[in-house]
Amino acid sequence: MDPDLPLIAALRDNDDSALTELMSRHREALYYFTYRYLRDETAARDVVQETFVRVYFKADRFQP
């Protein structure tokens, strides 16, 4: 089972600490991935931020 699924479920139940945990688990890897692709620190940070904003607002639509 994916260890992030309980966090998505908690996020659906308005537990904002679940988003904090998801961010701490994935922020660094996502940043390095986007930075290697974009070659721009600011753009990579923006992509990471936008990704987690979308996770927050679309968690109710997530289907594993």
PDB file of N, CA and C in Angstrom:
ATOM      1  N   MET A   1       0.837  -1.182   0.000  1.00  0.00           N
ATOM      2  CA  MET A   1       0.000   0.000   0.000  1.00  0.00           C
ATOM      3  C   MET A   1       0.889   1.255   0.000  1.00  0.00           C
ATOM      4  N   ASP A   2       0.452   2.257  -0.685  1.00  0.00           N
ATOM      5  CA  ASP A   2       1.168   3.525  -0.771  1.00  0.00           C
ATOM      6  C   ASP A   2       1.088   4.233   0.583  1.00  0.00           C
ATOM      7  N   PRO A   3       2.231   4.586   1.179  1.00  0.00           N
ATOM      8  CA  PRO A   3       2.200   5.233   2.504  1.00  0.00           C
ATOM      9  C   PRO A   3       1.604   6.641   2.492  1.00  0.00           C
ATOM     10  N   ASP A   4       1.393   7.218   1.312  1.00  0.00           N
ATOM     11  CA  ASP A   4       0.804   8.557   1.225  1.00  0.00           C
ATOM     12  C   ASP A   4      -0.722   8.533   1.204  1.00  0.00           C
ATOM     13  N   LEU A   5      -1.323   7.390   0.962  1.00  0.00           N
ATOM     14  CA  LEU A   5      -2.787   7.315   0.888  1.00  0.00           C
ATOM     15  C   LEU A   5      -3.472   7.753   2.180  1.00  0.00           C
ATOM     16  N   PRO A   6      -2.998   7.345   3.354  1.00  0.00           N
ATOM     17  CA  PRO A   6      -3.638   7.838   4.581  1.00  0.00           C
ATOM     18  C   PRO A   6      -3.529   9.355   4.728  1.00  0.00           C
ATOM     19  N   LEU A   7      -2.441   9.921   4.226  1.00  0.00           N
ATOM     20  CA  LEU A   7      -2.293  11.373   4.298  1.00  0.00           C
ATOM     21  C   LEU A   7      -3.284  12.073   3.376  1.00  0.00           C
ATOM     22  N   ILE A   8      -3.518  11.515   2.207  1.00  0.00           N
ATOM     23  CA  ILE A   8      -4.513  12.090   1.297  1.00  0.00           C
ATOM     24  C   ILE A   8      -5.892  12.006   1.944  1.00  0.00           C
ATOM     25  N   ALA A   9      -6.183  10.872   2.579  1.00  0.00           N
ATOM     26  CA  ALA A   9      -7.469  10.724   3.270  1.00  0.00           C
ATOM     27  C   ALA A   9      -7.598  11.751   4.393  1.00  0.00           C
ATOM     28  N   ALA A  10      -6.523  11.970   5.132  1.00  0.00           N
ATOM     29  CA  ALA A  10      -6.547  12.963   6.211  1.00  0.00           C
ATOM     30  C   ALA A  10      -6.718  14.370   5.644  1.00  0.00           C
ATOM     31  N   LEU A  11      -6.094  14.625   4.520  1.00  0.00           N
ATOM     32  CA  LEU A  11      -6.232  15.931   3.878  1.00  0.00           C
ATOM     33  C   LEU A  11      -7.670  16.165   3.428  1.00  0.00           C
ATOM     34  N   ARG A  12      -8.305  15.117   2.951  1.00  0.00           N
ATOM     35  CA  ARG A  12      -9.729  15.209   2.580  1.00  0.00           C
ATOM     36  C   ARG A  12     -10.596  15.569   3.782  1.00  0.00           C
ATOM     37  N   ASP A  13     -10.155  15.130   4.963  1.00  0.00           N
ATOM     38  CA  ASP A  13     -10.886  15.408   6.205  1.00  0.00           C
ATOM     39  C   ASP A  13     -10.439  16.719   6.849  1.00  0.00           C
ATOM     40  N   ASN A  14      -9.805  17.575   6.054  1.00  0.00           N
ATOM     41  CA  ASN A  14      -9.366  18.906   6.489  1.00  0.00           C
ATOM     42  C   ASN A  14      -8.279  18.892   7.548  1.00  0.00           C
ATOM     43  N   ASP A  15      -7.425  17.881   7.517  1.00  0.00           N
ATOM     44  CA  ASP A  15      -6.277  17.822   8.418  1.00  0.00           C
ATOM     45  C   ASP A  15      -5.078  18.430   7.690  1.00  0.00           C
ATOM     46  N   ASP A  16      -4.833  19.709   7.929  1.00  0.00           N
ATOM     47  CA  ASP A  16      -3.759  20.413   7.228  1.00  0.00           C
ATOM     48  C   ASP A  16      -2.374  19.875   7.565  1.00  0.00           C
ATOM     49  N   SER A  17      -2.234  19.213   8.686  1.00  0.00           N
ATOM     50  CA  SER A  17      -0.932  18.639   9.027  1.00  0.00           C
ATOM     51  C   SER A  17      -0.552  17.525   8.040  1.00  0.00           C
ATOM     52  N   ALA A  18      -1.539  16.932   7.390  1.00  0.00           N
ATOM     53  CA  ALA A  18      -1.262  15.906   6.373  1.00  0.00           C
ATOM     54  C   ALA A  18      -0.530  16.521   5.186  1.00  0.00           C
ATOM     55  N   LEU A  19      -0.914  17.729   4.810  1.00  0.00           N
ATOM     56  CA  LEU A  19      -0.218  18.414   3.718  1.00  0.00           C
ATOM     57  C   LEU A  19       1.216  18.719   4.123  1.00  0.00           C
ATOM     58  N   THR A  20       1.411  19.124   5.352  1.00  0.00           N
ATOM     59  CA  THR A  20       2.758  19.399   5.846  1.00  0.00           C
ATOM     60  C   THR A  20       3.626  18.148   5.745  1.00  0.00           C
ATOM     61  N   GLU A  21       3.058  17.016   6.113  1.00  0.00           N
ATOM     62  CA  GLU A  21       3.797  15.750   6.038  1.00  0.00           C
ATOM     63  C   GLU A  21       4.092  15.378   4.585  1.00  0.00           C
ATOM     64  N   LEU A  22       3.120  15.529   3.704  1.00  0.00           N
ATOM     65  CA  LEU A  22       3.350  15.244   2.282  1.00  0.00           C
ATOM     66  C   LEU A  22       4.448  16.142   1.724  1.00  0.00           C
ATOM     67  N   MET A  23       4.426  17.393   2.118  1.00  0.00           N
ATOM     68  CA  MET A  23       5.448  18.324   1.637  1.00  0.00           C
ATOM     69  C   MET A  23       6.826  17.931   2.150  1.00  0.00           C
ATOM     70  N   SER A  24       6.909  17.564   3.404  1.00  0.00           N
ATOM     71  CA  SER A  24       8.221  17.195   3.942  1.00  0.00           C
ATOM     72  C   SER A  24       8.748  15.917   3.282  1.00  0.00           C
ATOM     73  N   ARG A  25       7.861  15.016   2.897  1.00  0.00           N
ATOM     74  CA  ARG A  25       8.282  13.781   2.233  1.00  0.00           C
ATOM     75  C   ARG A  25       8.734  14.000   0.796  1.00  0.00           C
ATOM     76  N   HIS A  26       8.086  14.924   0.081  1.00  0.00           N
ATOM     77  CA  HIS A  26       8.289  14.994  -1.363  1.00  0.00           C
ATOM     78  C   HIS A  26       8.856  16.297  -1.910  1.00  0.00           C
ATOM     79  N   ARG A  27       8.915  17.322  -1.107  1.00  0.00           N
ATOM     80  CA  ARG A  27       9.340  18.644  -1.593  1.00  0.00           C
ATOM     81  C   ARG A  27      10.742  18.620  -2.197  1.00  0.00           C
ATOM     82  N   GLU A  28      11.689  18.034  -1.511  1.00  0.00           N
ATOM     83  CA  GLU A  28      13.072  18.066  -1.974  1.00  0.00           C
ATOM     84  C   GLU A  28      13.251  17.311  -3.295  1.00  0.00           C
ATOM     85  N   ALA A  29      12.711  16.104  -3.377  1.00  0.00           N
ATOM     86  CA  ALA A  29      12.842  15.326  -4.613  1.00  0.00           C
ATOM     87  C   ALA A  29      12.143  16.019  -5.775  1.00  0.00           C
ATOM     88  N   LEU A  30      10.978  16.595  -5.511  1.00  0.00           N
ATOM     89  CA  LEU A  30      10.254  17.314  -6.560  1.00  0.00           C
ATOM     90  C   LEU A  30      11.031  18.540  -7.007  1.00  0.00           C
ATOM     91  N   TYR A  31      11.631  19.247  -6.062  1.00  0.00           N
ATOM     92  CA  TYR A  31      12.427  20.420  -6.419  1.00  0.00           C
ATOM     93  C   TYR A  31      13.600  20.023  -7.317  1.00  0.00           C
ATOM     94  N   TYR A  32      14.347  19.003  -6.919  1.00  0.00           N
ATOM     95  CA  TYR A  32      15.510  18.604  -7.718  1.00  0.00           C
ATOM     96  C   TYR A  32      15.095  18.118  -9.102  1.00  0.00           C
ATOM     97  N   PHE A  33      13.992  17.402  -9.175  1.00  0.00           N
ATOM     98  CA  PHE A  33      13.491  16.947 -10.478  1.00  0.00           C
ATOM     99  C   PHE A  33      13.151  18.139 -11.367  1.00  0.00           C
ATOM    100  N   THR A  34      12.392  19.086 -10.832  1.00  0.00           N
ATOM    101  CA  THR A  34      11.989  20.231 -11.650  1.00  0.00           C
ATOM    102  C   THR A  34      13.178  21.129 -11.972  1.00  0.00           C
ATOM    103  N   TYR A  35      14.118  21.242 -11.043  1.00  0.00           N
ATOM    104  CA  TYR A  35      15.290  22.059 -11.317  1.00  0.00           C
ATOM    105  C   TYR A  35      16.124  21.459 -12.455  1.00  0.00           C
ATOM    106  N   ARG A  36      16.305  20.142 -12.449  1.00  0.00           N
ATOM    107  CA  ARG A  36      17.057  19.498 -13.533  1.00  0.00           C
ATOM    108  C   ARG A  36      16.365  19.708 -14.867  1.00  0.00           C
ATOM    109  N   TYR A  37      15.063  19.745 -14.850  1.00  0.00           N
ATOM    110  CA  TYR A  37      14.303  19.922 -16.090  1.00  0.00           C
ATOM    111  C   TYR A  37      14.303  21.381 -16.543  1.00  0.00           C
ATOM    112  N   LEU A  38      14.093  22.304 -15.603  1.00  0.00           N
ATOM    113  CA  LEU A  38      13.935  23.717 -15.950  1.00  0.00           C
ATOM    114  C   LEU A  38      15.237  24.520 -15.924  1.00  0.00           C
ATOM    115  N   ARG A  39      16.208  24.076 -15.124  1.00  0.00           N
ATOM    116  CA  ARG A  39      17.482  24.797 -14.963  1.00  0.00           C
ATOM    117  C   ARG A  39      17.296  26.230 -14.465  1.00  0.00           C
ATOM    118  N   ASP A  40      16.300  26.401 -13.591  1.00  0.00           N
ATOM    119  CA  ASP A  40      16.008  27.725 -13.044  1.00  0.00           C
ATOM    120  C   ASP A  40      15.470  27.529 -11.631  1.00  0.00           C
ATOM    121  N   GLU A  41      16.197  28.023 -10.630  1.00  0.00           N
ATOM    122  CA  GLU A  41      15.815  27.815  -9.231  1.00  0.00           C
ATOM    123  C   GLU A  41      14.447  28.400  -8.907  1.00  0.00           C
ATOM    124  N   THR A  42      14.213  29.612  -9.345  1.00  0.00           N
ATOM    125  CA  THR A  42      12.949  30.271  -9.035  1.00  0.00           C
ATOM    126  C   THR A  42      11.780  29.540  -9.685  1.00  0.00           C
ATOM    127  N   ALA A  43      11.926  29.164 -10.914  1.00  0.00           N
ATOM    128  CA  ALA A  43      10.856  28.435 -11.603  1.00  0.00           C
ATOM    129  C   ALA A  43      10.613  27.082 -10.944  1.00  0.00           C
ATOM    130  N   ALA A  44      11.683  26.414 -10.533  1.00  0.00           N
ATOM    131  CA  ALA A  44      11.533  25.114  -9.870  1.00  0.00           C
ATOM    132  C   ALA A  44      10.781  25.271  -8.553  1.00  0.00           C
ATOM    133  N   ARG A  45      11.116  26.310  -7.774  1.00  0.00           N
ATOM    134  CA  ARG A  45      10.389  26.556  -6.517  1.00  0.00           C
ATOM    135  C   ARG A  45       8.911  26.852  -6.785  1.00  0.00           C
ATOM    136  N   ASP A  46       8.653  27.617  -7.829  1.00  0.00           N
ATOM    137  CA  ASP A  46       7.263  27.938  -8.182  1.00  0.00           C
ATOM    138  C   ASP A  46       6.481  26.681  -8.552  1.00  0.00           C
ATOM    139  N   VAL A  47       7.106  25.786  -9.295  1.00  0.00           N
ATOM    140  CA  VAL A  47       6.445  24.539  -9.684  1.00  0.00           C
ATOM    141  C   VAL A  47       6.136  23.702  -8.450  1.00  0.00           C
ATOM    142  N   VAL A  48       7.081  23.614  -7.536  1.00  0.00           N
ATOM    143  CA  VAL A  48       6.865  22.845  -6.302  1.00  0.00           C
ATOM    144  C   VAL A  48       5.712  23.447  -5.509  1.00  0.00           C
ATOM    145  N   GLN A  49       5.712  24.764  -5.371  1.00  0.00           N
ATOM    146  CA  GLN A  49       4.635  25.422  -4.637  1.00  0.00           C
ATOM    147  C   GLN A  49       3.290  25.173  -5.308  1.00  0.00           C
ATOM    148  N   GLU A  50       3.230  25.345  -6.597  1.00  0.00           N
ATOM    149  CA  GLU A  50       1.976  25.133  -7.339  1.00  0.00           C
ATOM    150  C   GLU A  50       1.507  23.686  -7.217  1.00  0.00           C
ATOM    151  N   THR A  51       2.436  22.759  -7.222  1.00  0.00           N
ATOM    152  CA  THR A  51       2.077  21.342  -7.084  1.00  0.00           C
ATOM    153  C   THR A  51       1.368  21.094  -5.766  1.00  0.00           C
ATOM    154  N   PHE A  52       1.914  21.617  -4.675  1.00  0.00           N
ATOM    155  CA  PHE A  52       1.293  21.379  -3.372  1.00  0.00           C
ATOM    156  C   PHE A  52       0.004  22.170  -3.186  1.00  0.00           C
ATOM    157  N   VAL A  53      -0.115  23.308  -3.813  1.00  0.00           N
ATOM    158  CA  VAL A  53      -1.388  24.035  -3.794  1.00  0.00           C
ATOM    159  C   VAL A  53      -2.463  23.190  -4.479  1.00  0.00           C
ATOM    160  N   ARG A  54      -2.110  22.592  -5.604  1.00  0.00           N
ATOM    161  CA  ARG A  54      -3.075  21.739  -6.310  1.00  0.00           C
ATOM    162  C   ARG A  54      -3.421  20.494  -5.511  1.00  0.00           C
ATOM    163  N   VAL A  55      -2.438  19.905  -4.853  1.00  0.00           N
ATOM    164  CA  VAL A  55      -2.711  18.748  -3.995  1.00  0.00           C
ATOM    165  C   VAL A  55      -3.735  19.132  -2.937  1.00  0.00           C
ATOM    166  N   TYR A  56      -3.540  20.289  -2.329  1.00  0.00           N
ATOM    167  CA  TYR A  56      -4.440  20.747  -1.267  1.00  0.00           C
ATOM    168  C   TYR A  56      -5.864  20.941  -1.777  1.00  0.00           C
ATOM    169  N   PHE A  57      -5.998  21.631  -2.891  1.00  0.00           N
ATOM    170  CA  PHE A  57      -7.335  21.967  -3.371  1.00  0.00           C
ATOM    171  C   PHE A  57      -8.015  20.844  -4.156  1.00  0.00           C
ATOM    172  N   LYS A  58      -7.267  19.860  -4.596  1.00  0.00           N
ATOM    173  CA  LYS A  58      -7.865  18.785  -5.389  1.00  0.00           C
ATOM    174  C   LYS A  58      -7.795  17.425  -4.703  1.00  0.00           C
ATOM    175  N   ALA A  59      -7.456  17.393  -3.442  1.00  0.00           N
ATOM    176  CA  ALA A  59      -7.345  16.118  -2.716  1.00  0.00           C
ATOM    177  C   ALA A  59      -8.668  15.358  -2.727  1.00  0.00           C
ATOM    178  N   ASP A  60      -9.780  16.080  -2.713  1.00  0.00           N
ATOM    179  CA  ASP A  60     -11.094  15.409  -2.690  1.00  0.00           C
ATOM    180  C   ASP A  60     -11.384  14.676  -3.992  1.00  0.00           C
ATOM    181  N   ARG A  61     -10.664  14.999  -5.060  1.00  0.00           N
ATOM    182  CA  ARG A  61     -10.884  14.344  -6.353  1.00  0.00           C
ATOM    183  C   ARG A  61      -9.889  13.228  -6.641  1.00  0.00           C
ATOM    184  N   PHE A  62      -8.923  13.054  -5.757  1.00  0.00           N
ATOM    185  CA  PHE A  62      -7.874  12.043  -5.970  1.00  0.00           C
ATOM    186  C   PHE A  62      -8.457  10.639  -5.931  1.00  0.00           C
ATOM    187  N   GLN A  63      -8.077   9.847  -6.929  1.00  0.00           N
ATOM    188  CA  GLN A  63      -8.496   8.443  -6.973  1.00  0.00           C
ATOM    189  C   GLN A  63      -7.252   7.583  -7.137  1.00  0.00           C
ATOM    190  N   PRO A  64      -6.931   6.797  -6.128  1.00  0.00           N
ATOM    191  CA  PRO A  64      -5.719   5.965  -6.227  1.00  0.00           C
ATOM    192  C   PRO A  64      -5.835   4.904  -7.305  1.00  0.00           C
TER     193      PRO A  64
END
